[in-house]
Amino acid sequence: MSKRHAGSCLCGEVRFEVDGDFQSFFLCHCSRCRKDTGSAHAANLFSTTAQLTWLSGEPKVRTFRLPSTRHQRSFCSDCGSALPGLQMNGALLAVPAGSLDSAIEIRPNAHILVADRAEWDDHLEDVPRCDGLPG
């Protein structure tokens, strides 16, 4: 049985549903994904069968394609939040995991392009953890 997943951007102007299952979930450490997210890695879910439906705000969705590469990113034009997008001529749906509002059952399959990770992205499991804001 396929699942239905709800998602939205930070400002709430863009809302969407993904109907179907995700085949893979990768944490990508390449420099392009780090620039896209401003973080250690991107966390993206992928599906070749799920269907994306925009519930509201579709005119606010923009897609940036890096010239001469396959790299692209969709985002809300108001708040900049990462949003789902079709890639590979519509054959692949890429969904930023953080854009989902509903729980997912799939766990990451792998950290990828780890050789390209940031120099500070090593032994992060040793960094203290806080349940709230520090101090």
N, C-alpha and C. Protein backbone atom coordinates (compact mmCIF):
# COMPACT_ATOMS: atom_id res chain seq x y z
N MET A 1 0.84 -1.18 0.00
CA MET A 1 0.00 0.00 0.00
C MET A 1 0.89 1.25 0.00
N SER A 2 0.64 2.16 -0.93
CA SER A 2 1.45 3.37 -1.01
C SER A 2 1.02 4.37 0.06
N LYS A 3 1.91 5.25 0.39
CA LYS A 3 1.68 6.23 1.44
C LYS A 3 1.43 7.60 0.82
N ARG A 4 0.75 8.46 1.58
CA ARG A 4 0.56 9.85 1.19
C ARG A 4 1.31 10.69 2.20
N HIS A 5 2.15 11.59 1.71
CA HIS A 5 2.99 12.43 2.55
C HIS A 5 2.63 13.89 2.31
N ALA A 6 2.48 14.65 3.39
CA ALA A 6 2.17 16.08 3.31
C ALA A 6 3.44 16.88 3.58
N GLY A 7 3.54 18.04 2.92
CA GLY A 7 4.69 18.89 3.14
C GLY A 7 4.37 20.34 2.86
N SER A 8 5.30 21.22 3.25
CA SER A 8 5.10 22.65 3.06
C SER A 8 6.44 23.38 3.19
N CYS A 9 6.41 24.65 2.82
CA CYS A 9 7.59 25.50 3.00
C CYS A 9 7.51 26.16 4.38
N LEU A 10 8.53 26.88 4.75
CA LEU A 10 8.62 27.52 6.06
C LEU A 10 7.53 28.57 6.27
N CYS A 11 7.24 29.37 5.25
CA CYS A 11 6.24 30.43 5.42
C CYS A 11 4.82 29.90 5.26
N GLY A 12 4.67 28.66 4.79
CA GLY A 12 3.36 28.03 4.67
C GLY A 12 2.60 28.38 3.40
N GLU A 13 3.18 29.20 2.53
CA GLU A 13 2.50 29.58 1.29
C GLU A 13 2.42 28.42 0.30
N VAL A 14 3.43 27.55 0.32
CA VAL A 14 3.45 26.41 -0.60
C VAL A 14 3.16 25.14 0.21
N ARG A 15 2.15 24.40 -0.25
CA ARG A 15 1.80 23.12 0.38
C ARG A 15 1.68 22.08 -0.71
N PHE A 16 2.06 20.85 -0.38
CA PHE A 16 2.05 19.79 -1.38
C PHE A 16 1.77 18.44 -0.74
N GLU A 17 1.45 17.46 -1.59
CA GLU A 17 1.33 16.07 -1.18
C GLU A 17 2.15 15.22 -2.13
N VAL A 18 2.72 14.17 -1.59
CA VAL A 18 3.40 13.16 -2.39
C VAL A 18 2.65 11.86 -2.15
N ASP A 19 2.11 11.30 -3.21
CA ASP A 19 1.35 10.05 -3.12
C ASP A 19 2.21 8.94 -3.69
N GLY A 20 2.69 8.06 -2.81
CA GLY A 20 3.52 6.96 -3.25
C GLY A 20 4.67 6.71 -2.30
N ASP A 21 5.48 5.75 -2.67
CA ASP A 21 6.60 5.33 -1.83
C ASP A 21 7.91 5.91 -2.33
N PHE A 22 8.82 6.10 -1.40
CA PHE A 22 10.18 6.53 -1.73
C PHE A 22 11.06 5.28 -1.85
N GLN A 23 11.86 5.22 -2.91
CA GLN A 23 12.76 4.08 -3.10
C GLN A 23 14.11 4.28 -2.40
N SER A 24 14.51 5.55 -2.26
CA SER A 24 15.81 5.79 -1.63
C SER A 24 15.81 7.10 -0.87
N PHE A 25 16.78 7.18 0.05
CA PHE A 25 16.94 8.34 0.94
C PHE A 25 18.44 8.50 1.13
N PHE A 26 18.99 9.57 0.55
CA PHE A 26 20.44 9.77 0.61
C PHE A 26 20.79 11.08 1.31
N LEU A 27 21.88 11.04 2.07
CA LEU A 27 22.47 12.21 2.70
C LEU A 27 23.70 12.56 1.88
N CYS A 28 23.58 13.60 1.06
CA CYS A 28 24.65 13.94 0.11
C CYS A 28 25.56 15.04 0.67
N HIS A 29 26.85 14.76 0.68
CA HIS A 29 27.85 15.67 1.23
C HIS A 29 28.60 16.46 0.17
N CYS A 30 28.18 16.42 -1.09
CA CYS A 30 28.90 17.14 -2.15
C CYS A 30 28.84 18.65 -1.89
N SER A 31 29.77 19.38 -2.45
CA SER A 31 29.84 20.82 -2.20
C SER A 31 28.59 21.54 -2.72
N ARG A 32 27.98 21.05 -3.78
CA ARG A 32 26.76 21.69 -4.30
C ARG A 32 25.61 21.55 -3.32
N CYS A 33 25.44 20.35 -2.77
CA CYS A 33 24.37 20.14 -1.79
C CYS A 33 24.63 20.91 -0.50
N ARG A 34 25.90 21.03 -0.12
CA ARG A 34 26.22 21.81 1.07
C ARG A 34 25.87 23.28 0.84
N LYS A 35 26.13 23.80 -0.34
CA LYS A 35 25.77 25.19 -0.64
C LYS A 35 24.26 25.36 -0.71
N ASP A 36 23.56 24.37 -1.30
CA ASP A 36 22.09 24.42 -1.36
C ASP A 36 21.47 24.54 0.02
N THR A 37 21.99 23.78 0.98
CA THR A 37 21.38 23.70 2.30
C THR A 37 22.03 24.60 3.34
N GLY A 38 23.28 25.00 3.11
CA GLY A 38 24.01 25.74 4.13
C GLY A 38 24.38 24.85 5.30
N SER A 39 24.40 23.55 5.08
CA SER A 39 24.64 22.59 6.15
C SER A 39 25.65 21.53 5.72
N ALA A 40 25.82 20.53 6.55
CA ALA A 40 26.80 19.47 6.29
C ALA A 40 26.41 18.60 5.11
N HIS A 41 25.11 18.46 4.87
CA HIS A 41 24.66 17.60 3.77
C HIS A 41 23.21 17.91 3.44
N ALA A 42 22.80 17.48 2.27
CA ALA A 42 21.38 17.51 1.90
C ALA A 42 20.78 16.16 2.29
N ALA A 43 19.52 16.16 2.64
CA ALA A 43 18.80 14.93 2.98
C ALA A 43 17.61 14.83 2.02
N ASN A 44 17.76 14.02 0.98
CA ASN A 44 16.74 13.94 -0.07
C ASN A 44 16.20 12.54 -0.25
N LEU A 45 14.87 12.49 -0.43
CA LEU A 45 14.15 11.25 -0.73
C LEU A 45 13.92 11.21 -2.23
N PHE A 46 13.94 10.00 -2.81
CA PHE A 46 13.77 9.86 -4.25
C PHE A 46 12.74 8.80 -4.58
N SER A 47 11.96 9.07 -5.65
CA SER A 47 10.97 8.12 -6.12
C SER A 47 10.81 8.22 -7.63
N THR A 48 10.68 7.08 -8.27
CA THR A 48 10.39 7.05 -9.71
C THR A 48 8.91 6.79 -9.95
N THR A 49 8.14 6.56 -8.88
CA THR A 49 6.73 6.21 -9.04
C THR A 49 5.77 7.13 -8.32
N ALA A 50 6.20 7.85 -7.31
CA ALA A 50 5.31 8.71 -6.53
C ALA A 50 4.86 9.91 -7.36
N GLN A 51 3.69 10.41 -7.01
CA GLN A 51 3.11 11.56 -7.70
C GLN A 51 3.10 12.78 -6.78
N LEU A 52 3.54 13.92 -7.31
CA LEU A 52 3.57 15.18 -6.57
C LEU A 52 2.34 16.00 -6.96
N THR A 53 1.62 16.51 -5.95
CA THR A 53 0.48 17.39 -6.18
C THR A 53 0.69 18.66 -5.36
N TRP A 54 0.64 19.81 -6.02
CA TRP A 54 0.74 21.09 -5.33
C TRP A 54 -0.65 21.44 -4.82
N LEU A 55 -0.80 21.65 -3.51
CA LEU A 55 -2.08 21.99 -2.91
C LEU A 55 -2.31 23.49 -2.87
N SER A 56 -1.23 24.24 -2.72
CA SER A 56 -1.30 25.71 -2.75
C SER A 56 0.09 26.27 -3.04
N GLY A 57 0.12 27.46 -3.61
CA GLY A 57 1.37 28.18 -3.80
C GLY A 57 2.25 27.74 -4.95
N GLU A 58 1.78 26.90 -5.84
CA GLU A 58 2.64 26.42 -6.94
C GLU A 58 3.31 27.55 -7.73
N PRO A 59 2.63 28.71 -7.96
CA PRO A 59 3.31 29.80 -8.67
C PRO A 59 4.53 30.36 -7.94
N LYS A 60 4.66 30.07 -6.65
CA LYS A 60 5.81 30.55 -5.87
C LYS A 60 7.01 29.60 -5.95
N VAL A 61 6.82 28.42 -6.56
CA VAL A 61 7.90 27.44 -6.67
C VAL A 61 8.84 27.84 -7.81
N ARG A 62 10.10 27.94 -7.49
CA ARG A 62 11.14 28.25 -8.48
C ARG A 62 12.12 27.09 -8.50
N THR A 63 12.76 26.88 -9.64
CA THR A 63 13.78 25.84 -9.76
C THR A 63 15.03 26.46 -10.35
N PHE A 64 16.15 26.25 -9.66
CA PHE A 64 17.46 26.68 -10.14
C PHE A 64 18.20 25.46 -10.67
N ARG A 65 18.67 25.55 -11.89
CA ARG A 65 19.47 24.49 -12.49
C ARG A 65 20.88 25.03 -12.70
N LEU A 66 21.87 24.35 -12.14
CA LEU A 66 23.25 24.76 -12.30
C LEU A 66 23.69 24.42 -13.72
N PRO A 67 24.07 25.42 -14.52
CA PRO A 67 24.43 25.17 -15.92
C PRO A 67 25.52 24.10 -16.06
N SER A 68 25.40 23.33 -17.11
CA SER A 68 26.36 22.29 -17.48
C SER A 68 26.46 21.15 -16.46
N THR A 69 25.41 21.00 -15.62
CA THR A 69 25.37 19.90 -14.64
C THR A 69 23.95 19.36 -14.60
N ARG A 70 23.75 18.29 -13.85
CA ARG A 70 22.40 17.77 -13.58
C ARG A 70 21.85 18.31 -12.27
N HIS A 71 22.63 19.16 -11.60
CA HIS A 71 22.25 19.65 -10.28
C HIS A 71 21.16 20.71 -10.39
N GLN A 72 20.09 20.51 -9.61
CA GLN A 72 19.03 21.50 -9.55
C GLN A 72 18.38 21.49 -8.17
N ARG A 73 17.70 22.56 -7.87
CA ARG A 73 17.03 22.70 -6.57
C ARG A 73 15.79 23.54 -6.75
N SER A 74 14.68 23.07 -6.17
CA SER A 74 13.43 23.82 -6.17
C SER A 74 13.22 24.43 -4.80
N PHE A 75 12.58 25.61 -4.77
CA PHE A 75 12.44 26.34 -3.52
C PHE A 75 11.27 27.32 -3.60
N CYS A 76 10.80 27.77 -2.44
CA CYS A 76 9.76 28.78 -2.35
C CYS A 76 10.39 30.15 -2.63
N SER A 77 9.77 30.91 -3.53
CA SER A 77 10.31 32.23 -3.87
C SER A 77 10.11 33.25 -2.75
N ASP A 78 9.23 32.97 -1.78
CA ASP A 78 9.04 33.89 -0.66
C ASP A 78 10.03 33.62 0.47
N CYS A 79 10.11 32.37 0.95
CA CYS A 79 10.94 32.09 2.13
C CYS A 79 12.23 31.33 1.81
N GLY A 80 12.37 30.81 0.61
CA GLY A 80 13.60 30.11 0.22
C GLY A 80 13.67 28.66 0.62
N SER A 81 12.63 28.14 1.27
CA SER A 81 12.65 26.74 1.71
C SER A 81 12.78 25.79 0.53
N ALA A 82 13.54 24.73 0.74
CA ALA A 82 13.69 23.68 -0.27
C ALA A 82 12.37 22.96 -0.47
N LEU A 83 12.05 22.66 -1.72
CA LEU A 83 10.80 22.01 -2.09
C LEU A 83 11.06 20.87 -3.07
N PRO A 84 10.09 19.98 -3.24
CA PRO A 84 10.26 18.87 -4.19
C PRO A 84 10.40 19.38 -5.62
N GLY A 85 11.02 18.54 -6.44
CA GLY A 85 11.14 18.86 -7.85
C GLY A 85 11.34 17.60 -8.67
N LEU A 86 10.92 17.69 -9.92
CA LEU A 86 11.13 16.58 -10.85
C LEU A 86 12.48 16.76 -11.51
N GLN A 87 13.21 15.66 -11.63
CA GLN A 87 14.53 15.67 -12.25
C GLN A 87 14.59 14.61 -13.34
N MET A 88 15.67 14.61 -14.07
CA MET A 88 15.89 13.63 -15.14
C MET A 88 14.69 13.58 -16.09
N ASN A 89 14.32 14.77 -16.61
CA ASN A 89 13.20 14.91 -17.55
C ASN A 89 11.90 14.35 -16.99
N GLY A 90 11.66 14.53 -15.69
CA GLY A 90 10.43 14.10 -15.06
C GLY A 90 10.40 12.66 -14.59
N ALA A 91 11.50 11.93 -14.78
CA ALA A 91 11.53 10.52 -14.41
C ALA A 91 11.79 10.29 -12.92
N LEU A 92 12.28 11.31 -12.21
CA LEU A 92 12.67 11.14 -10.82
C LEU A 92 12.14 12.30 -9.99
N LEU A 93 11.43 11.98 -8.92
CA LEU A 93 10.96 12.99 -7.97
C LEU A 93 11.95 13.04 -6.82
N ALA A 94 12.50 14.23 -6.56
CA ALA A 94 13.40 14.45 -5.43
C ALA A 94 12.67 15.31 -4.40
N VAL A 95 12.61 14.82 -3.16
CA VAL A 95 11.89 15.52 -2.10
C VAL A 95 12.84 15.77 -0.93
N PRO A 96 13.10 17.05 -0.60
CA PRO A 96 13.90 17.33 0.58
C PRO A 96 13.18 16.78 1.82
N ALA A 97 13.85 15.94 2.57
CA ALA A 97 13.21 15.29 3.72
C ALA A 97 12.68 16.30 4.72
N GLY A 98 13.37 17.40 4.91
CA GLY A 98 12.95 18.42 5.86
C GLY A 98 11.72 19.20 5.43
N SER A 99 11.30 19.06 4.18
CA SER A 99 10.11 19.77 3.71
C SER A 99 8.83 19.02 4.05
N LEU A 100 8.96 17.78 4.50
CA LEU A 100 7.78 16.98 4.83
C LEU A 100 7.26 17.30 6.22
N ASP A 101 5.94 17.37 6.35
CA ASP A 101 5.30 17.60 7.64
C ASP A 101 4.83 16.30 8.26
N SER A 102 4.69 15.27 7.45
CA SER A 102 4.25 13.97 7.96
C SER A 102 5.46 13.06 8.18
N ALA A 103 5.30 12.09 9.05
CA ALA A 103 6.38 11.15 9.36
C ALA A 103 6.63 10.22 8.17
N ILE A 104 7.87 9.77 8.04
CA ILE A 104 8.23 8.80 7.01
C ILE A 104 8.81 7.57 7.68
N GLU A 105 8.64 6.44 7.05
CA GLU A 105 9.15 5.19 7.61
C GLU A 105 10.56 4.87 7.13
N ILE A 106 10.91 5.33 5.95
CA ILE A 106 12.21 5.01 5.37
C ILE A 106 13.32 5.73 6.14
N ARG A 107 14.42 5.04 6.32
CA ARG A 107 15.62 5.61 6.95
C ARG A 107 16.65 5.87 5.86
N PRO A 108 17.61 6.76 6.09
CA PRO A 108 18.61 6.99 5.05
C PRO A 108 19.31 5.70 4.63
N ASN A 109 19.49 5.57 3.31
CA ASN A 109 20.20 4.41 2.76
C ASN A 109 21.71 4.56 2.91
N ALA A 110 22.19 5.80 2.76
CA ALA A 110 23.65 6.00 2.81
C ALA A 110 23.98 7.48 2.86
N HIS A 111 25.15 7.77 3.41
CA HIS A 111 25.82 9.05 3.23
C HIS A 111 26.54 8.91 1.89
N ILE A 112 26.35 9.85 0.97
CA ILE A 112 27.03 9.75 -0.33
C ILE A 112 27.96 10.94 -0.55
N LEU A 113 28.93 10.74 -1.41
CA LEU A 113 29.96 11.72 -1.73
C LEU A 113 30.65 12.23 -0.46
N VAL A 114 30.91 11.30 0.44
CA VAL A 114 31.53 11.62 1.72
C VAL A 114 32.96 12.15 1.54
N ALA A 115 33.64 11.72 0.49
CA ALA A 115 35.00 12.21 0.24
C ALA A 115 35.01 13.72 0.00
N ASP A 116 33.87 14.29 -0.37
CA ASP A 116 33.76 15.73 -0.64
C ASP A 116 33.21 16.49 0.56
N ARG A 117 33.02 15.84 1.71
CA ARG A 117 32.40 16.49 2.85
C ARG A 117 33.25 17.65 3.38
N ALA A 118 32.60 18.53 4.14
CA ALA A 118 33.29 19.67 4.76
C ALA A 118 34.32 19.17 5.75
N GLU A 119 35.39 19.91 5.91
CA GLU A 119 36.47 19.49 6.81
C GLU A 119 36.01 19.42 8.26
N TRP A 120 34.98 20.16 8.63
CA TRP A 120 34.46 20.14 10.01
C TRP A 120 33.44 19.03 10.24
N ASP A 121 33.07 18.32 9.18
CA ASP A 121 32.05 17.27 9.27
C ASP A 121 32.70 15.92 9.54
N ASP A 122 33.29 15.80 10.71
CA ASP A 122 33.95 14.55 11.10
C ASP A 122 33.75 14.35 12.60
N HIS A 123 33.36 13.17 13.00
CA HIS A 123 33.12 12.82 14.40
C HIS A 123 32.07 13.72 15.06
N LEU A 124 31.03 14.06 14.31
CA LEU A 124 29.99 14.91 14.87
C LEU A 124 29.21 14.22 15.99
N GLU A 125 29.30 12.91 16.04
CA GLU A 125 28.64 12.19 17.13
C GLU A 125 29.28 12.54 18.49
N ASP A 126 30.48 13.12 18.48
CA ASP A 126 31.17 13.51 19.71
C ASP A 126 30.78 14.91 20.20
N VAL A 127 30.08 15.67 19.37
CA VAL A 127 29.68 17.02 19.74
C VAL A 127 28.52 16.93 20.75
N PRO A 128 28.57 17.74 21.83
CA PRO A 128 27.49 17.70 22.83
C PRO A 128 26.12 17.94 22.17
N ARG A 129 25.08 17.33 22.76
CA ARG A 129 23.71 17.47 22.25
C ARG A 129 22.87 18.20 23.30
N CYS A 130 21.97 19.06 22.82
CA CYS A 130 21.06 19.80 23.68
C CYS A 130 19.64 19.58 23.18
N ASP A 131 18.70 19.33 24.08
CA ASP A 131 17.30 19.17 23.69
C ASP A 131 16.63 20.49 23.37
N GLY A 132 17.21 21.58 23.81
CA GLY A 132 16.67 22.92 23.54
C GLY A 132 17.79 23.83 23.11
N LEU A 133 17.56 25.13 23.19
CA LEU A 133 18.60 26.09 22.85
C LEU A 133 19.69 26.04 23.91
N PRO A 134 20.94 26.28 23.51
CA PRO A 134 22.02 26.25 24.51
C PRO A 134 21.92 27.41 25.50
N GLY A 135 22.45 27.12 26.72
CA GLY A 135 22.65 28.04 27.80
C GLY A 135 21.61 28.99 28.11
